[in-house]
C-alpha atoms as a PDB file:
ATOM      1  CA  MET A   1      87.153  94.259 102.461  1.00  0.00           C
ATOM      2  CA  VAL A   2      86.031  90.901 101.138  1.00  0.00           C
ATOM      3  CA  ILE A   3      82.420  90.111 100.275  1.00  0.00           C
ATOM      4  CA  TYR A   4      82.074  87.852 103.324  1.00  0.00           C
ATOM      5  CA  ASP A   5      82.971  90.749 105.633  1.00  0.00           C
ATOM      6  CA  VAL A   6      80.468  93.010 103.894  1.00  0.00           C
ATOM      7  CA  PHE A   7      77.753  90.370 104.325  1.00  0.00           C
ATOM      8  CA  LEU A   8      78.540  90.125 108.030  1.00  0.00           C
ATOM      9  CA  GLU A   9      78.307  93.901 108.395  1.00  0.00           C
ATOM     10  CA  LEU A  10      74.960  93.925 106.627  1.00  0.00           C
ATOM     11  CA  THR A  11      73.410  91.252 108.853  1.00  0.00           C
ATOM     12  CA  ASN A  12      72.062  93.842 111.296  1.00  0.00           C
ATOM     13  CA  GLY A  13      68.862  95.400 110.028  1.00  0.00           C
ATOM     14  CA  ILE A  14      68.836  93.036 107.076  1.00  0.00           C
ATOM     15  CA  GLU A  15      65.193  93.537 106.091  1.00  0.00           C
ATOM     16  CA  MET A  16      64.531  96.241 103.548  1.00  0.00           C
ATOM     17  CA  LYS A  17      61.680  98.625 104.252  1.00  0.00           C
ATOM     18  CA  ASN A  18      58.652  98.860 102.010  1.00  0.00           C
ATOM     19  CA  GLY A  19      59.665 100.285  98.650  1.00  0.00           C
ATOM     20  CA  GLU A  20      63.435  99.881  99.069  1.00  0.00           C
ATOM     21  CA  ILE A  21      63.681  96.868  96.776  1.00  0.00           C
ATOM     22  CA  GLN A  22      61.713  98.634  94.059  1.00  0.00           C
ATOM     23  CA  LYS A  23      63.898 101.747  94.436  1.00  0.00           C
ATOM     24  CA  LEU A  24      67.014  99.594  94.109  1.00  0.00           C
ATOM     25  CA  ARG A  25      65.633  97.869  91.003  1.00  0.00           C
ATOM     26  CA  GLU A  26      64.734 101.205  89.456  1.00  0.00           C
ATOM     27  CA  ARG A  27      68.130 102.720  90.352  1.00  0.00           C
ATOM     28  CA  LEU A  28      69.774  99.877  88.448  1.00  0.00           C
ATOM     29  CA  GLY A  29      67.457 100.394  85.480  1.00  0.00           C
ATOM     30  CA  LEU A  30      66.141  96.837  85.570  1.00  0.00           C
ATOM     31  CA  ASP A  31      62.555  95.841  84.914  1.00  0.00           C
ATOM     32  CA  ARG A  32      60.689  93.400  87.144  1.00  0.00           C
ATOM     33  CA  HIS A  33      61.352  90.464  84.817  1.00  0.00           C
ATOM     34  CA  GLN A  34      65.116  91.107  84.840  1.00  0.00           C
ATOM     35  CA  PHE A  35      65.241  91.589  88.602  1.00  0.00           C
ATOM     36  CA  ALA A  36      63.105  88.502  89.216  1.00  0.00           C
ATOM     37  CA  GLU A  37      65.487  86.457  87.069  1.00  0.00           C
ATOM     38  CA  PHE A  38      68.478  87.821  88.981  1.00  0.00           C
ATOM     39  CA  LEU A  39      66.889  86.839  92.314  1.00  0.00           C
ATOM     40  CA  GLY A  40      66.034  83.388  90.993  1.00  0.00           C
ATOM     41  CA  LEU A  41      62.304  84.021  91.158  1.00  0.00           C
ATOM     42  CA  THR A  42      60.008  82.120  88.858  1.00  0.00           C
ATOM     43  CA  SER A  43      57.752  84.968  87.820  1.00  0.00           C
ATOM     44  CA  TYR A  44      57.069  88.643  87.422  1.00  0.00           C
ATOM     45  CA  GLN A  45      54.245  88.209  89.953  1.00  0.00           C
ATOM     46  CA  SER A  46      56.716  86.989  92.587  1.00  0.00           C
ATOM     47  CA  MET A  47      58.748  90.170  92.086  1.00  0.00           C
ATOM     48  CA  MET A  48      55.606  92.278  92.446  1.00  0.00           C
ATOM     49  CA  ASN A  49      54.709  90.421  95.654  1.00  0.00           C
ATOM     50  CA  ILE A  50      58.135  91.223  97.096  1.00  0.00           C
ATOM     51  CA  GLU A  51      57.951  94.870  96.079  1.00  0.00           C
ATOM     52  CA  ASN A  52      54.487  95.146  97.621  1.00  0.00           C
ATOM     53  CA  GLY A  53      55.517  93.470 100.891  1.00  0.00           C
ATOM     54  CA  ILE A  54      53.348  90.381 100.358  1.00  0.00           C
ATOM     55  CA  ARG A  55      56.348  88.080 100.092  1.00  0.00           C
ATOM     56  CA  ASN A  56      59.853  88.371 101.563  1.00  0.00           C
ATOM     57  CA  PRO A  57      63.063  87.292  99.861  1.00  0.00           C
ATOM     58  CA  SER A  58      65.316  84.821 101.664  1.00  0.00           C
ATOM     59  CA  ARG A  59      67.883  86.145 104.134  1.00  0.00           C
ATOM     60  CA  LEU A  60      70.642  85.394 101.638  1.00  0.00           C
ATOM     61  CA  ALA A  61      68.828  87.288  98.880  1.00  0.00           C
ATOM     62  CA  MET A  62      68.273  90.179 101.287  1.00  0.00           C
ATOM     63  CA  LYS A  63      71.993  90.250 102.143  1.00  0.00           C
ATOM     64  CA  VAL A  64      72.865  90.319  98.448  1.00  0.00           C
ATOM     65  CA  LEU A  65      70.363  93.137  97.878  1.00  0.00           C
ATOM     66  CA  ARG A  66      71.826  95.143 100.776  1.00  0.00           C
ATOM     67  CA  TYR A  67      75.319  94.599  99.365  1.00  0.00           C
ATOM     68  CA  ILE A  68      74.249  95.697  95.876  1.00  0.00           C
ATOM     69  CA  ASP A  69      72.484  98.719  97.334  1.00  0.00           C
ATOM     70  CA  SER A  70      75.753  99.781  98.990  1.00  0.00           C
ATOM     71  CA  LEU A  71      77.615  99.832  95.648  1.00  0.00           C
ATOM     72  CA  PRO A  72      77.763 102.569  93.036  1.00  0.00           C
ATOM     73  CA  LYS A  73      75.441 101.808  90.104  1.00  0.00           C
ATOM     74  CA  ALA A  74      78.166 100.640  87.688  1.00  0.00           C
ATOM     75  CA  LYS A  75      79.664  98.228  90.244  1.00  0.00           C
ATOM     76  CA  ALA A  76      76.217  96.987  91.266  1.00  0.00           C
ATOM     77  CA  LEU A  77      75.304  96.213  87.649  1.00  0.00           C
ATOM     78  CA  ALA A  78      78.648  94.457  87.119  1.00  0.00           C
ATOM     79  CA  PHE A  79      77.948  92.331  90.206  1.00  0.00           C
ATOM     80  CA  VAL A  80      74.457  91.458  88.907  1.00  0.00           C
ATOM     81  CA  GLU A  81      75.903  90.508  85.504  1.00  0.00           C
ATOM     82  CA  GLU A  82      78.587  88.368  87.136  1.00  0.00           C
ATOM     83  CA  LEU A  83      76.064  86.483  89.258  1.00  0.00           C
ATOM     84  CA  ASN A  84      73.791  85.980  86.247  1.00  0.00           C
ATOM     85  CA  ARG A  85      76.630  84.113  84.521  1.00  0.00           C
ATOM     86  CA  HIS A  86      76.524  81.440  87.229  1.00  0.00           C
ATOM     87  CA  GLU A  87      73.249  79.712  86.503  1.00  0.00           C
ATOM     88  CA  PRO A  88      72.541  76.494  88.387  1.00  0.00           C
ATOM     89  CA  LYS A  89      72.947  73.302  86.410  1.00  0.00           C
END
């Protein structure tokens, strides 16, 4: 299955419930700074706001998070590392 198909499957129920993003971050062994950088957030505080339900990530970010959450830890971390190599210019 290609990534596009996985994203389409994950469109239903895209929002993550309170605490799911933090659980995912912790499962991957990433701190808030690392996870914020991965999501393209500007600060640690932004990551805390998302984890506390004050702020919501974009639909695209939520799809990526759902996709990562569906992967085994090693594959999820490899995906995060791969995306981190593609910084905007």
